[in-house]
Protein backbone atom coordinates (compact mmCIF):
# COMPACT_ATOMS: atom_id res chain seq x y z
CA MET A 1 42.99 87.45 102.33
CA ASN A 2 42.44 84.62 104.73
CA ASN A 3 39.43 83.48 102.78
CA GLU A 4 41.56 83.45 99.58
CA ARG A 5 44.12 81.30 101.38
CA ASP A 6 41.52 78.91 102.56
CA GLY A 7 40.18 78.56 98.94
CA ALA A 8 43.58 77.82 97.61
CA GLY A 9 44.15 75.28 100.17
CA ASN A 10 40.91 73.51 99.41
CA ALA A 11 41.75 73.51 95.68
CA ALA A 12 45.08 71.91 96.49
CA MET A 13 43.31 69.26 98.42
CA ALA A 14 40.87 68.64 95.52
CA ILE A 15 43.84 68.18 93.12
CA GLY A 16 45.63 65.54 95.10
CA ALA A 17 47.09 66.62 98.37
CA GLU A 18 46.29 64.34 101.31
CA PRO A 19 44.99 66.20 104.43
CA THR A 20 46.51 65.34 107.82
CA ALA A 21 44.67 64.40 110.91
CA GLY A 22 45.61 67.49 112.82
CA HIS A 23 44.69 70.28 110.54
CA ALA A 24 43.06 70.39 107.17
CA THR A 25 45.41 72.99 105.86
CA ASP A 26 48.61 71.35 106.82
CA ARG A 27 50.87 70.03 104.15
CA PRO A 28 53.35 67.19 104.41
CA LYS A 29 56.94 68.16 105.22
CA ALA A 30 59.42 68.06 102.51
CA ALA A 31 61.59 65.08 102.62
CA GLY A 32 65.20 65.49 103.24
CA PRO A 33 67.91 64.85 100.92
CA GLY A 34 67.93 61.29 99.84
CA LYS A 35 64.62 60.48 101.23
CA GLN A 36 61.41 59.99 99.26
CA ASN A 37 57.91 61.17 100.06
CA LYS A 38 56.19 58.16 101.35
CA GLN A 39 52.67 59.80 101.25
CA PRO A 40 51.27 59.03 97.71
CA ARG A 41 48.81 61.47 96.16
CA LEU A 42 45.26 60.48 95.85
CA ALA A 43 44.14 59.64 92.30
CA MET A 44 41.25 61.41 90.69
CA ALA A 45 39.27 58.14 90.91
CA ASP A 46 39.74 58.22 94.72
CA ALA A 47 38.30 61.57 95.06
CA PRO A 48 35.05 61.98 96.70
CA PRO A 49 31.90 61.74 94.45
CA ALA A 50 31.12 65.40 95.00
CA MET A 51 34.43 66.27 93.32
CA LYS A 52 33.92 64.27 89.93
CA SER A 53 33.24 66.09 86.58
CA PRO A 54 29.41 66.09 85.64
CA MET A 55 28.10 63.60 82.96
CA ALA A 56 26.65 64.72 79.49
CA ALA A 57 23.15 66.02 79.41
CA PRO A 58 20.30 63.69 78.11
CA ALA A 59 19.59 63.91 74.27
CA ARG A 60 16.75 66.26 73.35
CA MET A 61 14.84 66.74 70.19
CA GLN A 62 16.24 69.56 68.23
CA LYS A 63 14.53 71.81 65.76
CA ARG A 64 16.23 70.11 62.77
CA HIS A 65 14.98 66.78 63.99
CA TRP A 66 11.38 67.97 64.08
CA GLY A 67 11.90 69.45 60.52
CA LEU A 68 13.11 65.91 59.38
CA PHE A 69 10.13 64.26 60.82
CA ALA A 70 7.79 66.81 59.19
CA SER A 71 9.49 66.39 55.87
CA PHE A 72 9.07 62.61 56.19
CA PHE A 73 5.41 62.99 56.83
CA LEU A 74 4.87 65.43 53.99
CA LEU A 75 6.95 63.80 51.36
CA VAL A 76 6.49 60.08 52.17
CA LEU A 77 3.57 59.24 54.56
CA ALA A 78 1.00 61.69 53.23
CA PRO A 79 1.51 60.94 49.47
CA LEU A 80 1.66 57.22 50.28
CA LEU A 81 -1.61 57.44 52.20
CA ALA A 82 -3.12 59.25 49.30
CA VAL A 83 -2.04 56.47 46.89
CA ILE A 84 -3.37 53.83 49.19
CA PHE A 85 -6.64 55.59 49.43
CA TYR A 86 -6.91 56.06 45.76
CA LEU A 87 -5.96 52.51 44.74
CA PHE A 88 -8.10 50.70 47.42
CA VAL A 89 -11.13 53.05 47.47
CA ILE A 90 -11.41 55.22 44.37
CA ALA A 91 -9.84 53.15 41.52
CA GLU A 92 -12.22 50.93 39.65
CA ASP A 93 -11.67 47.25 39.10
CA ARG A 94 -10.38 46.11 35.73
CA TYR A 95 -10.60 42.61 34.17
CA ALA A 96 -7.97 41.07 31.90
CA SER A 97 -8.52 38.77 28.91
CA THR A 98 -5.54 36.91 27.23
CA ALA A 99 -5.26 35.48 23.75
CA GLY A 100 -2.19 33.93 22.05
CA PHE A 101 -1.69 33.16 18.31
CA SER A 102 1.12 32.54 15.73
CA VAL A 103 1.33 32.86 11.91
CA ARG A 104 1.77 29.50 10.40
CA SER A 105 2.19 28.19 6.82
CA GLN A 106 1.05 24.98 5.35
CA GLU A 107 4.58 24.17 4.19
CA ASN A 108 7.33 24.61 6.79
CA SER A 109 10.87 23.47 5.97
CA GLY A 110 12.54 21.75 8.88
CA ALA A 111 15.83 23.30 7.88
CA ASN A 112 14.32 26.75 7.93
CA GLU A 113 12.80 26.15 11.36
CA LEU A 114 16.31 24.96 12.68
CA LEU A 115 18.02 27.95 11.14
CA GLY A 116 15.39 30.48 12.02
CA GLY A 117 17.25 31.68 15.03
CA LEU A 118 20.42 32.10 13.11
CA ALA A 119 18.60 33.95 10.38
CA GLN A 120 17.23 36.31 13.15
CA LEU A 121 20.76 36.87 14.41
CA ALA A 122 22.13 37.48 10.99
CA GLY A 123 19.43 40.05 10.37
CA GLY A 124 17.04 39.47 7.57
CA SER A 125 16.12 42.30 5.27
CA THR A 126 12.45 41.42 5.08
CA ALA A 127 9.99 41.66 8.01
CA SER A 128 8.21 38.42 9.06
CA ASP A 129 4.45 38.10 9.42
CA GLY A 130 4.74 38.23 13.21
CA ASP A 131 6.57 41.67 12.93
CA ILE A 132 3.80 42.92 10.74
CA LEU A 133 1.09 41.85 13.05
CA TYR A 134 2.87 43.25 16.09
CA GLU A 135 3.01 46.66 14.49
CA TYR A 136 -0.51 46.31 13.13
CA ILE A 137 -2.05 45.62 16.62
CA ARG A 138 -0.38 48.84 17.98
CA SER A 139 -1.41 50.98 14.93
CA GLN A 140 -4.04 53.60 14.65
CA GLU A 141 -5.90 51.68 11.91
CA LEU A 142 -6.65 48.77 14.30
CA VAL A 143 -7.62 51.13 17.20
CA ALA A 144 -10.02 52.87 14.84
CA GLU A 145 -11.60 49.53 13.79
CA VAL A 146 -11.98 48.33 17.27
CA ASP A 147 -13.44 51.66 18.47
CA ALA A 148 -15.94 51.56 15.73
CA GLU A 149 -16.89 48.13 16.63
CA LEU A 150 -16.84 48.24 20.49
CA ASN A 151 -17.06 51.99 21.18
CA LEU A 152 -13.89 52.18 23.40
CA LYS A 153 -14.34 55.89 24.08
CA GLU A 154 -17.61 55.37 25.86
CA HIS A 155 -16.48 52.34 27.81
CA PHE A 156 -13.21 53.67 29.14
CA GLY A 157 -14.56 57.17 29.63
CA SER A 158 -17.46 56.14 31.78
CA HIS A 159 -15.56 56.54 35.05
CA TRP A 160 -14.05 59.85 34.36
CA PRO A 161 -13.35 62.03 36.37
CA LYS A 162 -13.74 59.79 39.38
CA ASP A 163 -10.97 57.22 38.29
CA TRP A 164 -8.89 59.98 36.68
CA ALA A 165 -5.66 58.05 36.80
CA PHE A 166 -6.92 54.98 34.75
CA ALA A 167 -9.94 56.22 32.96
CA LEU A 168 -10.02 57.86 29.55
CA TRP A 169 -10.78 61.64 29.34
CA PRO A 170 -13.77 62.81 27.37
CA GLU A 171 -13.58 63.36 23.57
CA PRO A 172 -10.06 62.12 22.88
CA THR A 173 -8.48 62.29 19.45
CA LEU A 174 -7.55 59.18 17.50
CA GLU A 175 -3.86 59.81 18.47
CA GLN A 176 -4.85 60.17 22.20
CA LEU A 177 -6.92 57.02 21.94
CA THR A 178 -4.03 55.09 20.36
CA TRP A 179 -1.78 56.26 23.13
CA TYR A 180 -4.33 55.04 25.67
CA TRP A 181 -4.66 51.77 23.75
CA GLN A 182 -0.92 51.09 24.65
CA ARG A 183 -2.01 51.26 28.43
CA VAL A 184 -4.95 48.74 28.25
CA VAL A 185 -3.51 46.40 25.61
CA GLY A 186 -0.18 44.60 26.27
CA ILE A 187 1.58 42.69 23.51
CA SER A 188 4.28 40.04 24.09
CA TYR A 189 6.04 38.99 20.80
CA ASP A 190 8.81 36.37 20.58
CA SER A 191 10.57 37.01 17.20
CA GLY A 192 12.40 33.63 17.42
CA SER A 193 9.43 31.46 17.70
CA GLY A 194 6.82 33.84 16.21
CA LEU A 195 4.48 33.58 19.09
CA ILE A 196 2.29 36.64 19.94
CA GLU A 197 0.42 36.97 23.12
CA ILE A 198 -2.01 39.88 23.95
CA GLN A 199 -3.67 40.92 27.09
CA ALA A 200 -6.52 43.48 27.21
CA THR A 201 -7.93 45.09 30.31
CA ALA A 202 -11.48 46.62 30.63
CA TYR A 203 -13.89 47.66 33.34
CA ASP A 204 -15.94 44.40 32.77
CA PRO A 205 -14.89 40.92 31.73
CA GLU A 206 -17.16 40.78 28.60
CA MET A 207 -15.58 43.91 27.13
CA ALA A 208 -12.06 42.58 27.73
CA GLN A 209 -12.90 39.32 26.07
CA ALA A 210 -14.56 41.05 23.18
CA MET A 211 -11.42 43.23 22.72
CA THR A 212 -9.05 40.30 22.46
CA GLY A 213 -11.52 38.38 20.29
CA LEU A 214 -11.85 41.21 17.85
CA ILE A 215 -7.93 41.63 17.77
CA VAL A 216 -7.63 37.98 16.74
CA ASP A 217 -10.31 38.35 14.04
CA LEU A 218 -8.76 41.49 12.61
CA SER A 219 -5.34 39.94 12.64
CA GLN A 220 -6.74 36.94 10.70
CA ILE A 221 -8.24 39.29 8.15
CA ARG A 222 -4.91 41.10 7.75
CA ILE A 223 -3.14 37.69 7.27
CA ASN A 224 -5.70 36.73 4.59
CA ALA A 225 -5.05 40.06 2.84
CA LEU A 226 -1.30 39.43 2.93
CA ASN A 227 -1.98 36.03 1.49
CA GLU A 228 -4.11 37.40 -1.31
CA GLN A 229 -1.54 40.05 -2.01
CA ALA A 230 1.24 37.51 -2.13
CA ARG A 231 -0.76 35.25 -4.45
CA ALA A 232 -1.66 38.17 -6.78
CA ASP A 233 1.97 39.42 -6.91
CA ALA A 234 3.29 35.91 -7.61
CA MET A 235 0.74 35.25 -10.34
CA ARG A 236 1.17 38.71 -11.85
CA TYR A 237 4.90 38.49 -12.09
CA ALA A 238 4.57 34.99 -13.53
CA ARG A 239 2.10 36.16 -16.18
CA ILE A 240 4.25 39.20 -17.10
CA ASP A 241 7.19 36.87 -17.65
CA LEU A 242 5.07 34.48 -19.69
CA GLU A 243 3.74 37.39 -21.91
CA GLU A 244 7.26 38.76 -22.47
CA SER A 245 8.62 35.25 -23.35
CA LEU A 246 5.62 34.59 -25.77
CA GLU A 247 6.26 37.93 -27.52
CA ARG A 248 9.94 37.13 -27.82
CA LEU A 249 9.09 33.73 -29.35
CA LYS A 250 6.74 35.36 -31.76
CA VAL A 251 9.41 37.74 -32.94
CA ALA A 252 11.97 35.05 -33.32
CA ARG A 253 9.62 32.86 -35.43
CA GLU A 254 8.59 35.83 -37.57
CA ALA A 255 12.18 36.65 -38.31
CA LEU A 256 12.86 32.97 -39.31
CA ILE A 257 9.86 33.02 -41.68
CA GLN A 258 10.99 36.21 -43.24
CA PHE A 259 14.43 34.72 -43.83
CA ARG A 260 12.92 31.67 -45.54
CA THR A 261 10.57 33.83 -47.71
CA ARG A 262 13.47 36.11 -48.73
CA THR A 263 16.06 33.24 -49.53
CA ARG A 264 13.53 30.62 -50.68
CA ILE A 265 15.50 28.16 -48.53
CA VAL A 266 13.54 26.37 -45.82
CA ASP A 267 16.52 24.96 -44.01
CA PRO A 268 20.10 25.99 -45.16
CA GLU A 269 21.57 23.02 -43.38
CA THR A 270 19.38 20.58 -45.43
CA ASP A 271 20.04 22.61 -48.51
CA ILE A 272 23.84 22.55 -48.03
CA GLN A 273 23.66 18.78 -47.40
CA GLY A 274 21.94 18.56 -50.87
CA ARG A 275 24.59 20.63 -52.40
CA MET A 276 27.29 18.46 -50.95
CA GLY A 277 25.47 15.44 -52.35
CA VAL A 278 25.58 17.03 -55.80
CA MET A 279 29.24 17.87 -55.37
CA ASN A 280 29.95 14.25 -54.36
CA ASN A 281 28.01 12.90 -57.30
CA LEU A 282 29.87 15.21 -59.61
CA GLN A 283 33.19 14.18 -58.18
CA GLN A 284 32.20 10.57 -58.66
CA GLN A 285 31.07 11.11 -62.30
CA LEU A 286 34.36 13.06 -63.00
CA ALA A 287 36.34 10.10 -61.64
CA GLU A 288 34.42 7.63 -63.77
CA ALA A 289 34.76 9.80 -66.86
CA LEU A 290 38.55 10.10 -66.36
CA ILE A 291 38.90 6.30 -66.07
CA ASP A 292 36.87 5.77 -69.22
CA LEU A 293 38.95 8.42 -71.08
CA ASP A 294 42.12 6.65 -70.08
CA LEU A 295 40.78 3.29 -71.16
CA LEU A 296 39.82 4.83 -74.65
CA ARG A 297 43.16 6.36 -75.07
CA GLY A 298 44.86 3.06 -74.42
CA SER A 299 42.94 1.31 -77.13
CA LEU A 300 42.01 4.06 -79.60
CA GLY A 301 43.89 6.88 -81.40
CA GLU A 302 43.74 10.52 -80.45
CA ASN A 303 41.53 11.42 -83.29
CA ASP A 304 38.85 9.02 -82.47
CA PRO A 305 35.46 10.82 -81.88
CA ARG A 306 34.84 8.90 -78.65
CA ILE A 307 37.87 10.33 -77.08
CA THR A 308 36.88 13.74 -78.02
CA THR A 309 33.35 13.27 -76.61
CA GLY A 310 34.87 11.79 -73.33
CA GLN A 311 37.06 14.82 -73.06
CA LYS A 312 34.13 17.21 -73.48
CA ARG A 313 32.25 15.18 -70.90
CA ILE A 314 35.08 15.63 -68.42
CA ASP A 315 35.33 19.42 -69.11
CA VAL A 316 31.57 19.82 -68.50
CA ILE A 317 31.70 18.06 -65.29
CA ARG A 318 34.78 20.09 -64.12
CA GLU A 319 32.99 23.36 -64.97
CA ARG A 320 29.92 22.13 -63.16
CA ILE A 321 31.91 21.40 -60.05
CA ASN A 322 33.46 24.87 -60.24
CA LEU A 323 30.07 26.44 -60.49
CA GLU A 324 28.83 24.61 -57.52
CA ARG A 325 31.82 25.51 -55.44
CA ASN A 326 31.64 29.15 -56.41
CA SER A 327 27.89 29.15 -55.47
CA PHE A 328 28.79 28.67 -51.88
CA ALA A 329 30.61 32.05 -51.68
CA SER A 330 29.06 33.81 -54.57
CA SER A 331 26.36 36.59 -54.35
CA ASP A 332 25.14 36.00 -57.85
CA ALA A 333 21.93 34.30 -58.75
CA THR A 334 22.08 30.55 -59.10
CA ASP A 335 19.74 27.97 -60.38
CA THR A 336 19.21 26.45 -56.95
CA GLY A 337 18.68 29.60 -54.96
CA GLY A 338 18.56 32.75 -56.98
CA ILE A 339 19.07 34.57 -53.65
CA GLY A 340 21.69 37.15 -54.44
CA GLU A 341 23.64 36.62 -51.17
CA ASP A 342 26.79 34.60 -50.45
CA TYR A 343 26.02 31.32 -48.80
CA PRO A 344 28.19 31.65 -45.68
CA SER A 345 26.33 34.80 -44.67
CA LEU A 346 23.09 33.06 -45.08
CA ILE A 347 24.25 30.21 -42.93
CA SER A 348 25.44 32.68 -40.27
CA GLU A 349 22.10 34.59 -40.33
CA TYR A 350 20.11 31.34 -40.15
CA GLU A 351 22.02 30.05 -37.26
CA ARG A 352 21.58 33.29 -35.37
CA LEU A 353 17.84 33.16 -36.10
CA SER A 354 17.66 29.58 -35.03
CA VAL A 355 19.54 30.30 -31.76
CA ASP A 356 17.09 33.22 -31.00
CA ARG A 357 14.09 30.99 -31.72
CA GLU A 358 15.43 28.17 -29.50
CA PHE A 359 16.22 30.55 -26.74
CA ALA A 360 12.72 32.15 -27.02
CA GLU A 361 11.16 28.58 -26.99
CA GLU A 362 13.13 27.66 -23.87
CA THR A 363 12.19 30.89 -22.13
CA TYR A 364 8.55 30.38 -23.05
CA ARG A 365 8.59 26.95 -21.55
CA ALA A 366 10.34 28.05 -18.41
CA ALA A 367 7.82 30.97 -18.03
CA LEU A 368 4.94 28.56 -18.54
CA THR A 369 6.41 26.18 -15.91
CA ALA A 370 7.00 29.19 -13.59
CA LEU A 371 3.38 30.17 -13.90
CA GLU A 372 2.17 26.69 -12.90
CA VAL A 373 4.69 26.57 -10.02
CA ALA A 374 3.59 30.00 -8.80
CA ARG A 375 -0.03 28.89 -8.94
CA ALA A 376 0.83 25.72 -7.00
CA GLU A 377 2.99 27.53 -4.40
CA ALA A 378 0.36 30.21 -3.83
CA THR A 379 -2.04 27.51 -3.09
CA ARG A 380 0.25 25.32 -1.03
CA GLN A 381 2.10 27.99 0.92
CA SER A 382 -0.97 30.00 2.23
CA ARG A 383 -0.43 31.36 5.71
CA TYR A 384 -3.02 31.27 8.52
CA LEU A 385 -3.44 32.35 12.11
CA ALA A 386 -3.04 29.53 14.56
CA THR A 387 -4.62 30.49 17.90
CA TYR A 388 -3.02 28.52 20.72
CA ILE A 389 -4.81 30.55 23.45
CA LYS A 390 -8.45 31.49 22.78
CA PRO A 391 -9.64 34.69 24.31
CA THR A 392 -10.17 34.08 28.01
CA ARG A 393 -12.98 35.56 30.25
CA ALA A 394 -11.85 36.83 33.70
CA GLU A 395 -13.76 35.79 36.75
CA SER A 396 -12.10 38.19 39.14
CA SER A 397 -10.33 41.57 38.68
CA GLN A 398 -6.73 41.64 38.54
CA TYR A 399 -6.14 45.42 37.99
CA PRO A 400 -5.15 47.86 39.34
CA GLN A 401 -2.45 45.85 41.09
CA SER A 402 -2.87 47.87 44.36
CA PHE A 403 -0.29 46.09 46.47
CA ILE A 404 2.36 46.17 43.91
CA LEU A 405 1.70 49.89 43.07
CA THR A 406 1.61 50.65 46.70
CA GLY A 407 5.00 49.05 47.33
CA LEU A 408 6.46 50.79 44.30
CA ALA A 409 5.14 54.16 45.51
CA ALA A 410 6.45 53.61 48.98
CA LEU A 411 9.90 52.73 47.67
CA PHE A 412 9.98 55.70 45.32
CA LEU A 413 8.85 58.21 47.96
CA LEU A 414 11.18 56.77 50.53
CA LEU A 415 14.24 56.95 48.18
CA SER A 416 13.24 60.45 47.05
CA TRP A 417 12.94 61.67 50.63
CA ALA A 418 16.20 60.06 51.71
CA ILE A 419 18.11 61.64 48.75
CA LEU A 420 16.59 65.11 49.49
CA ALA A 421 17.54 64.78 53.21
CA LEU A 422 21.16 63.80 52.33
CA VAL A 423 21.42 66.65 49.98
CA TYR A 424 20.03 69.08 52.49
CA TYR A 425 22.36 68.00 55.30
CA SER A 426 25.37 67.96 52.97
CA ILE A 427 24.73 71.58 51.99
CA ARG A 428 24.11 72.55 55.61
CA ASP A 429 27.33 71.00 56.90
CA ARG A 430 29.41 72.87 54.30
CA ARG A 431 28.16 76.28 55.51
C-alpha cells in the first residue's frame, strides 16, 4: 500500500505539482478563503526531459514499397533496356531516299489556279491526277511491279529473323508485301498544290534510290496512260458526234430530194414567186382590158364585134385568175405542177424539210469543229510529271530513329506503370 501511495505521488508530481524543499511528497496547503494559490503549476514544457513523450520512429521500407520498386523494374526498366539493346545493337541501319513531283499540264488557267483551293473546299466530283497517283503508289499493282523489278522480298527479308521488328518475314503474300510497303515507303500529298513527296527506306542507299526512281518512272507511265486514254476518249466522242450529225444530214437531204422528185418542184418559194408574177400579170392585163372595153363602149355601139371580143377577153382573163387562185389551195392536177396536193401543205412540208436540213448542216459543222477542237485540246492540254526533287542517295543511315523510339518507349512504359500503380493502390485503399 505504501508503494502504491508513493507511485501516485510521483504521478502527481509528473502532471504538474511542484515538490517542496522539505519532502518530495508534501503538497501545498490549500489557500484560505479569499486567497489565491500563489504557487503556479509547472507546464509540460518545463518538465524534465525524461518525462516527455517519445518521438515517431524512423521511416522504414515496407513490403509494399519493395513491390512497387520491383514492378517499376519489371514493367519499365527491363523492357526499356531491352528496347535500347535491340535498337542500338541488333536493329540494322536503313537508308532513306526522297523524291518529289507534281502533275502539270501545258495549259493552266490562272483563274483555275486561284480558285483551286475553293474548288477543293467546295468538293469536286472528280478526282485529280494527284489523287490518282497517291492511290496508285499505295496499290498492289505498283508493289507487284516494283517487286518484279527490284526483288523487294529478297532485300527486306535478308535480315530475318535477326532484325525481326523491321525486316520482312519469309515468303510473304502480295497483300502482306503491300502492308509492309506502307512501312518502308512514306507518301506526303498536298491536295491544294498537288505536290507529292515520297520517301523510301532500305538496307542500302542504292536500293532506296532505286525504289524512289522506279516509283517516279511508273508514275510517269501512268500519267502517259491517262493522257492517252483522255485523248482517245475525247477523239472517240467527237467522232461519234460527227458520224451522227453526218447521218442526220444525209437523211435530211434525202427527204428533200424525195419531196422535189414527188412534187416536181425544186423550190416552192421560187415557184410561188413565179405564180405570184403570173397573177400580177393577169391582174394587169385585166385592168388594161377593162379600160379598153370602157373606151370602146364610149365610142361604139353595143353590137359592135370589137366590144364583144373585148368582153370575151376580159372573161378569159378573169377565169384564168380564178384558176390560178384555186391552184394554191386545190389538190387537183394543174398545168404547172400536176402534183395532186394542195399548195399550202406542200409549202409547210417543204419548210419543215428545209429546217431539218439546215439544222443537220449546222450540227454537222459544229461536230466537225468540235472534232478539230478536241484534237487540238488533246495535243495542247497533255499532262506530264514535273519532278522538283530528283531521287536522292543517302550518305548516312537515318533509320531506325533509335533515340526517338527510345524516348517514346520510355514515356509509354512509364505512363503505363504509373497508371497500373495508381489503379492498384486505389483498389487496395478501398478494401
